[in-house]
Amino acid sequence: MCGIIFLGDEFMNKIREIMKKRGLTQEDLSEMTGIDQSTLSKIINEKKAITLDTAKKISSALGFSIEYIWPS
């Protein structure tokens, strides 16, 4: 099992909202997470599935636990 998960729109909407509030670009988040900018763009635009590890990296880089941005 490769750990790909479906988080739905709510997860990525929260990520985009946090990025916007902080004035972060995808390039900024890429540098913060170590995730390739092209890959990150596809994830943020929901064109690529996300792994749990990647979701954790993104939430950690933004300073939140994954539970905060996990869809309820």
PDB file of N, CA and C in Angstrom:
ATOM      1  N   MET A   1       0.849  -1.182   0.000  1.00  0.00           N
ATOM      2  CA  MET A   1       0.000   0.000   0.000  1.00  0.00           C
ATOM      3  C   MET A   1       0.888   1.237   0.000  1.00  0.00           C
ATOM      4  N   CYS A   2       0.594   2.201  -0.845  1.00  0.00           N
ATOM      5  CA  CYS A   2       1.454   3.364  -1.004  1.00  0.00           C
ATOM      6  C   CYS A   2       1.029   4.560  -0.170  1.00  0.00           C
ATOM      7  N   GLY A   3      -0.036   4.462   0.595  1.00  0.00           N
ATOM      8  CA  GLY A   3      -0.429   5.525   1.503  1.00  0.00           C
ATOM      9  C   GLY A   3      -1.134   6.700   0.854  1.00  0.00           C
ATOM     10  N   ILE A   4      -1.674   6.529  -0.344  1.00  0.00           N
ATOM     11  CA  ILE A   4      -2.411   7.615  -0.991  1.00  0.00           C
ATOM     12  C   ILE A   4      -3.770   7.724  -0.324  1.00  0.00           C
ATOM     13  N   ILE A   5      -4.141   8.949  -0.012  1.00  0.00           N
ATOM     14  CA  ILE A   5      -5.403   9.177   0.678  1.00  0.00           C
ATOM     15  C   ILE A   5      -6.228  10.207  -0.080  1.00  0.00           C
ATOM     16  N   PHE A   6      -7.521  10.168   0.139  1.00  0.00           N
ATOM     17  CA  PHE A   6      -8.403  11.177  -0.438  1.00  0.00           C
ATOM     18  C   PHE A   6      -8.888  12.069   0.683  1.00  0.00           C
ATOM     19  N   LEU A   7      -8.515  13.340   0.623  1.00  0.00           N
ATOM     20  CA  LEU A   7      -8.894  14.275   1.666  1.00  0.00           C
ATOM     21  C   LEU A   7     -10.024  15.185   1.242  1.00  0.00           C
ATOM     22  N   GLY A   8     -10.320  15.234  -0.025  1.00  0.00           N
ATOM     23  CA  GLY A   8     -11.416  16.053  -0.513  1.00  0.00           C
ATOM     24  C   GLY A   8     -11.079  17.529  -0.577  1.00  0.00           C
ATOM     25  N   ASP A   9     -12.058  18.275  -1.014  1.00  0.00           N
ATOM     26  CA  ASP A   9     -11.886  19.715  -1.217  1.00  0.00           C
ATOM     27  C   ASP A   9     -11.588  20.472   0.061  1.00  0.00           C
ATOM     28  N   GLU A  10     -12.187  20.053   1.167  1.00  0.00           N
ATOM     29  CA  GLU A  10     -12.056  20.807   2.413  1.00  0.00           C
ATOM     30  C   GLU A  10     -10.597  20.948   2.848  1.00  0.00           C
ATOM     31  N   PHE A  11      -9.826  19.886   2.749  1.00  0.00           N
ATOM     32  CA  PHE A  11      -8.417  19.917   3.146  1.00  0.00           C
ATOM     33  C   PHE A  11      -7.653  20.943   2.318  1.00  0.00           C
ATOM     34  N   MET A  12      -7.769  20.858   0.996  1.00  0.00           N
ATOM     35  CA  MET A  12      -7.014  21.773   0.149  1.00  0.00           C
ATOM     36  C   MET A  12      -7.545  23.195   0.259  1.00  0.00           C
ATOM     37  N   ASN A  13      -8.839  23.366   0.474  1.00  0.00           N
ATOM     38  CA  ASN A  13      -9.377  24.711   0.689  1.00  0.00           C
ATOM     39  C   ASN A  13      -8.755  25.350   1.922  1.00  0.00           C
ATOM     40  N   LYS A  14      -8.583  24.563   2.982  1.00  0.00           N
ATOM     41  CA  LYS A  14      -7.952  25.085   4.194  1.00  0.00           C
ATOM     42  C   LYS A  14      -6.491  25.446   3.936  1.00  0.00           C
ATOM     43  N   ILE A  15      -5.792  24.610   3.197  1.00  0.00           N
ATOM     44  CA  ILE A  15      -4.397  24.902   2.866  1.00  0.00           C
ATOM     45  C   ILE A  15      -4.314  26.198   2.072  1.00  0.00           C
ATOM     46  N   ARG A  16      -5.142  26.321   1.047  1.00  0.00           N
ATOM     47  CA  ARG A  16      -5.136  27.549   0.234  1.00  0.00           C
ATOM     48  C   ARG A  16      -5.489  28.773   1.072  1.00  0.00           C
ATOM     49  N   GLU A  17      -6.453  28.632   1.975  1.00  0.00           N
ATOM     50  CA  GLU A  17      -6.858  29.737   2.843  1.00  0.00           C
ATOM     51  C   GLU A  17      -5.701  30.183   3.749  1.00  0.00           C
ATOM     52  N   ILE A  18      -5.023  29.224   4.342  1.00  0.00           N
ATOM     53  CA  ILE A  18      -3.879  29.535   5.217  1.00  0.00           C
ATOM     54  C   ILE A  18      -2.770  30.202   4.415  1.00  0.00           C
ATOM     55  N   MET A  19      -2.492  29.673   3.235  1.00  0.00           N
ATOM     56  CA  MET A  19      -1.454  30.269   2.385  1.00  0.00           C
ATOM     57  C   MET A  19      -1.811  31.709   2.036  1.00  0.00           C
ATOM     58  N   LYS A  20      -3.062  31.937   1.677  1.00  0.00           N
ATOM     59  CA  LYS A  20      -3.499  33.280   1.290  1.00  0.00           C
ATOM     60  C   LYS A  20      -3.366  34.250   2.468  1.00  0.00           C
ATOM     61  N   LYS A  21      -3.825  33.829   3.644  1.00  0.00           N
ATOM     62  CA  LYS A  21      -3.749  34.680   4.832  1.00  0.00           C
ATOM     63  C   LYS A  21      -2.309  35.058   5.171  1.00  0.00           C
ATOM     64  N   ARG A  22      -1.386  34.153   4.897  1.00  0.00           N
ATOM     65  CA  ARG A  22       0.020  34.391   5.220  1.00  0.00           C
ATOM     66  C   ARG A  22       0.809  34.973   4.055  1.00  0.00           C
ATOM     67  N   GLY A  23       0.148  35.127   2.921  1.00  0.00           N
ATOM     68  CA  GLY A  23       0.827  35.662   1.747  1.00  0.00           C
ATOM     69  C   GLY A  23       1.870  34.720   1.178  1.00  0.00           C
ATOM     70  N   LEU A  24       1.619  33.408   1.320  1.00  0.00           N
ATOM     71  CA  LEU A  24       2.565  32.402   0.836  1.00  0.00           C
ATOM     72  C   LEU A  24       2.224  31.966  -0.583  1.00  0.00           C
ATOM     73  N   THR A  25       3.245  31.801  -1.380  1.00  0.00           N
ATOM     74  CA  THR A  25       3.070  31.248  -2.718  1.00  0.00           C
ATOM     75  C   THR A  25       3.313  29.743  -2.669  1.00  0.00           C
ATOM     76  N   GLN A  26       2.994  29.074  -3.757  1.00  0.00           N
ATOM     77  CA  GLN A  26       3.303  27.652  -3.848  1.00  0.00           C
ATOM     78  C   GLN A  26       4.814  27.441  -3.777  1.00  0.00           C
ATOM     79  N   GLU A  27       5.565  28.372  -4.344  1.00  0.00           N
ATOM     80  CA  GLU A  27       7.026  28.270  -4.275  1.00  0.00           C
ATOM     81  C   GLU A  27       7.500  28.359  -2.824  1.00  0.00           C
ATOM     82  N   ASP A  28       6.895  29.278  -2.055  1.00  0.00           N
ATOM     83  CA  ASP A  28       7.245  29.397  -0.625  1.00  0.00           C
ATOM     84  C   ASP A  28       6.971  28.079   0.099  1.00  0.00           C
ATOM     85  N   LEU A  29       5.784  27.529  -0.116  1.00  0.00           N
ATOM     86  CA  LEU A  29       5.416  26.288   0.558  1.00  0.00           C
ATOM     87  C   LEU A  29       6.302  25.133   0.103  1.00  0.00           C
ATOM     88  N   SER A  30       6.687  25.143  -1.148  1.00  0.00           N
ATOM     89  CA  SER A  30       7.599  24.130  -1.666  1.00  0.00           C
ATOM     90  C   SER A  30       8.923  24.174  -0.908  1.00  0.00           C
ATOM     91  N   GLU A  31       9.444  25.363  -0.710  1.00  0.00           N
ATOM     92  CA  GLU A  31      10.701  25.514   0.031  1.00  0.00           C
ATOM     93  C   GLU A  31      10.538  25.095   1.488  1.00  0.00           C
ATOM     94  N   MET A  32       9.395  25.401   2.072  1.00  0.00           N
ATOM     95  CA  MET A  32       9.138  25.066   3.472  1.00  0.00           C
ATOM     96  C   MET A  32       8.989  23.566   3.695  1.00  0.00           C
ATOM     97  N   THR A  33       8.483  22.863   2.697  1.00  0.00           N
ATOM     98  CA  THR A  33       8.175  21.435   2.851  1.00  0.00           C
ATOM     99  C   THR A  33       9.214  20.516   2.218  1.00  0.00           C
ATOM    100  N   GLY A  34       9.972  21.042   1.269  1.00  0.00           N
ATOM    101  CA  GLY A  34      10.893  20.188   0.525  1.00  0.00           C
ATOM    102  C   GLY A  34      10.195  19.404  -0.572  1.00  0.00           C
ATOM    103  N   ILE A  35       8.945  19.733  -0.843  1.00  0.00           N
ATOM    104  CA  ILE A  35       8.180  19.082  -1.909  1.00  0.00           C
ATOM    105  C   ILE A  35       8.404  19.876  -3.188  1.00  0.00           C
ATOM    106  N   ASP A  36       8.718  19.179  -4.261  1.00  0.00           N
ATOM    107  CA  ASP A  36       8.925  19.819  -5.550  1.00  0.00           C
ATOM    108  C   ASP A  36       7.747  20.730  -5.884  1.00  0.00           C
ATOM    109  N   GLN A  37       8.041  21.928  -6.375  1.00  0.00           N
ATOM    110  CA  GLN A  37       6.995  22.927  -6.637  1.00  0.00           C
ATOM    111  C   GLN A  37       5.966  22.427  -7.638  1.00  0.00           C
ATOM    112  N   SER A  38       6.404  21.718  -8.651  1.00  0.00           N
ATOM    113  CA  SER A  38       5.479  21.183  -9.655  1.00  0.00           C
ATOM    114  C   SER A  38       4.525  20.166  -9.025  1.00  0.00           C
ATOM    115  N   THR A  39       5.068  19.292  -8.192  1.00  0.00           N
ATOM    116  CA  THR A  39       4.247  18.298  -7.495  1.00  0.00           C
ATOM    117  C   THR A  39       3.278  18.983  -6.549  1.00  0.00           C
ATOM    118  N   LEU A  40       3.766  19.953  -5.809  1.00  0.00           N
ATOM    119  CA  LEU A  40       2.927  20.690  -4.864  1.00  0.00           C
ATOM    120  C   LEU A  40       1.780  21.403  -5.587  1.00  0.00           C
ATOM    121  N   SER A  41       2.084  21.995  -6.725  1.00  0.00           N
ATOM    122  CA  SER A  41       1.055  22.668  -7.515  1.00  0.00           C
ATOM    123  C   SER A  41      -0.048  21.695  -7.916  1.00  0.00           C
ATOM    124  N   LYS A  42       0.347  20.508  -8.362  1.00  0.00           N
ATOM    125  CA  LYS A  42      -0.646  19.496  -8.756  1.00  0.00           C
ATOM    126  C   LYS A  42      -1.489  19.061  -7.571  1.00  0.00           C
ATOM    127  N   ILE A  43      -0.867  18.937  -6.398  1.00  0.00           N
ATOM    128  CA  ILE A  43      -1.602  18.548  -5.194  1.00  0.00           C
ATOM    129  C   ILE A  43      -2.576  19.648  -4.804  1.00  0.00           C
ATOM    130  N   ILE A  44      -2.097  20.885  -4.749  1.00  0.00           N
ATOM    131  CA  ILE A  44      -2.932  22.009  -4.334  1.00  0.00           C
ATOM    132  C   ILE A  44      -4.100  22.218  -5.298  1.00  0.00           C
ATOM    133  N   ASN A  45      -3.855  21.991  -6.566  1.00  0.00           N
ATOM    134  CA  ASN A  45      -4.914  22.153  -7.569  1.00  0.00           C
ATOM    135  C   ASN A  45      -5.712  20.870  -7.783  1.00  0.00           C
ATOM    136  N   GLU A  46      -5.485  19.902  -6.887  1.00  0.00           N
ATOM    137  CA  GLU A  46      -6.222  18.643  -6.863  1.00  0.00           C
ATOM    138  C   GLU A  46      -6.128  17.861  -8.172  1.00  0.00           C
ATOM    139  N   LYS A  47      -4.959  17.910  -8.785  1.00  0.00           N
ATOM    140  CA  LYS A  47      -4.708  17.140  -9.998  1.00  0.00           C
ATOM    141  C   LYS A  47      -3.841  15.919  -9.696  1.00  0.00           C
ATOM    142  N   LYS A  48      -3.420  15.797  -8.443  1.00  0.00           N
ATOM    143  CA  LYS A  48      -2.583  14.684  -8.007  1.00  0.00           C
ATOM    144  C   LYS A  48      -3.016  14.277  -6.609  1.00  0.00           C
ATOM    145  N   ALA A  49      -3.082  12.982  -6.380  1.00  0.00           N
ATOM    146  CA  ALA A  49      -3.429  12.475  -5.048  1.00  0.00           C
ATOM    147  C   ALA A  49      -2.326  12.829  -4.062  1.00  0.00           C
ATOM    148  N   ILE A  50      -2.677  12.875  -2.802  1.00  0.00           N
ATOM    149  CA  ILE A  50      -1.731  13.232  -1.754  1.00  0.00           C
ATOM    150  C   ILE A  50      -1.534  12.036  -0.832  1.00  0.00           C
ATOM    151  N   THR A  51      -0.317  11.854  -0.368  1.00  0.00           N
ATOM    152  CA  THR A  51      -0.044  10.809   0.614  1.00  0.00           C
ATOM    153  C   THR A  51      -0.195  11.399   2.002  1.00  0.00           C
ATOM    154  N   LEU A  52      -0.359  10.537   2.969  1.00  0.00           N
ATOM    155  CA  LEU A  52      -0.461  10.990   4.351  1.00  0.00           C
ATOM    156  C   LEU A  52       0.821  11.715   4.764  1.00  0.00           C
ATOM    157  N   ASP A  53       1.981  11.197   4.365  1.00  0.00           N
ATOM    158  CA  ASP A  53       3.253  11.857   4.681  1.00  0.00           C
ATOM    159  C   ASP A  53       3.294  13.276   4.122  1.00  0.00           C
ATOM    160  N   THR A  54       2.850  13.445   2.893  1.00  0.00           N
ATOM    161  CA  THR A  54       2.843  14.768   2.268  1.00  0.00           C
ATOM    162  C   THR A  54       1.869  15.696   2.979  1.00  0.00           C
ATOM    163  N   ALA A  55       0.706  15.196   3.340  1.00  0.00           N
ATOM    164  CA  ALA A  55      -0.269  16.005   4.073  1.00  0.00           C
ATOM    165  C   ALA A  55       0.323  16.456   5.405  1.00  0.00           C
ATOM    166  N   LYS A  56       1.045  15.570   6.069  1.00  0.00           N
ATOM    167  CA  LYS A  56       1.685  15.913   7.340  1.00  0.00           C
ATOM    168  C   LYS A  56       2.778  16.963   7.135  1.00  0.00           C
ATOM    169  N   LYS A  57       3.565  16.825   6.067  1.00  0.00           N
ATOM    170  CA  LYS A  57       4.615  17.810   5.776  1.00  0.00           C
ATOM    171  C   LYS A  57       4.025  19.197   5.560  1.00  0.00           C
ATOM    172  N   ILE A  58       2.948  19.247   4.804  1.00  0.00           N
ATOM    173  CA  ILE A  58       2.312  20.530   4.501  1.00  0.00           C
ATOM    174  C   ILE A  58       1.756  21.154   5.773  1.00  0.00           C
ATOM    175  N   SER A  59       1.009  20.371   6.552  1.00  0.00           N
ATOM    176  CA  SER A  59       0.415  20.932   7.763  1.00  0.00           C
ATOM    177  C   SER A  59       1.497  21.337   8.758  1.00  0.00           C
ATOM    178  N   SER A  60       2.536  20.547   8.878  1.00  0.00           N
ATOM    179  CA  SER A  60       3.632  20.880   9.789  1.00  0.00           C
ATOM    180  C   SER A  60       4.340  22.163   9.355  1.00  0.00           C
ATOM    181  N   ALA A  61       4.586  22.303   8.067  1.00  0.00           N
ATOM    182  CA  ALA A  61       5.256  23.510   7.553  1.00  0.00           C
ATOM    183  C   ALA A  61       4.424  24.756   7.822  1.00  0.00           C
ATOM    184  N   LEU A  62       3.117  24.599   7.835  1.00  0.00           N
ATOM    185  CA  LEU A  62       2.233  25.732   8.094  1.00  0.00           C
ATOM    186  C   LEU A  62       1.986  25.941   9.589  1.00  0.00           C
ATOM    187  N   GLY A  63       2.550  25.043  10.410  1.00  0.00           N
ATOM    188  CA  GLY A  63       2.475  25.203  11.852  1.00  0.00           C
ATOM    189  C   GLY A  63       1.204  24.695  12.494  1.00  0.00           C
ATOM    190  N   PHE A  64       0.540  23.756  11.840  1.00  0.00           N
ATOM    191  CA  PHE A  64      -0.694  23.202  12.367  1.00  0.00           C
ATOM    192  C   PHE A  64      -0.597  21.690  12.418  1.00  0.00           C
ATOM    193  N   SER A  65      -1.309  21.104  13.356  1.00  0.00           N
ATOM    194  CA  SER A  65      -1.400  19.646  13.364  1.00  0.00           C
ATOM    195  C   SER A  65      -2.310  19.241  12.209  1.00  0.00           C
ATOM    196  N   ILE A  66      -2.128  18.057  11.732  1.00  0.00           N
ATOM    197  CA  ILE A  66      -2.960  17.584  10.626  1.00  0.00           C
ATOM    198  C   ILE A  66      -4.422  17.515  11.054  1.00  0.00           C
ATOM    199  N   GLU A  67      -4.676  17.312  12.341  1.00  0.00           N
ATOM    200  CA  GLU A  67      -6.050  17.263  12.829  1.00  0.00           C
ATOM    201  C   GLU A  67      -6.767  18.591  12.614  1.00  0.00           C
ATOM    202  N   TYR A  68      -6.017  19.705  12.653  1.00  0.00           N
ATOM    203  CA  TYR A  68      -6.629  21.032  12.465  1.00  0.00           C
ATOM    204  C   TYR A  68      -7.194  21.179  11.060  1.00  0.00           C
ATOM    205  N   ILE A  69      -6.466  20.673  10.072  1.00  0.00           N
ATOM    206  CA  ILE A  69      -6.898  20.875   8.688  1.00  0.00           C
ATOM    207  C   ILE A  69      -7.502  19.622   8.066  1.00  0.00           C
ATOM    208  N   TRP A  70      -7.579  18.564   8.847  1.00  0.00           N
ATOM    209  CA  TRP A  70      -8.196  17.317   8.353  1.00  0.00           C
ATOM    210  C   TRP A  70      -9.707  17.542   8.221  1.00  0.00           C
ATOM    211  N   PRO A  71     -10.306  17.088   7.140  1.00  0.00           N
ATOM    212  CA  PRO A  71     -11.753  17.287   6.999  1.00  0.00           C
ATOM    213  C   PRO A  71     -12.518  16.579   8.119  1.00  0.00           C
ATOM    214  N   SER A  72     -13.529  17.263   8.590  1.00  0.00           N
ATOM    215  CA  SER A  72     -14.332  16.681   9.684  1.00  0.00           C
ATOM    216  C   SER A  72     -15.526  15.929   9.148  1.00  0.00           C
TER     217      SER A  72
END
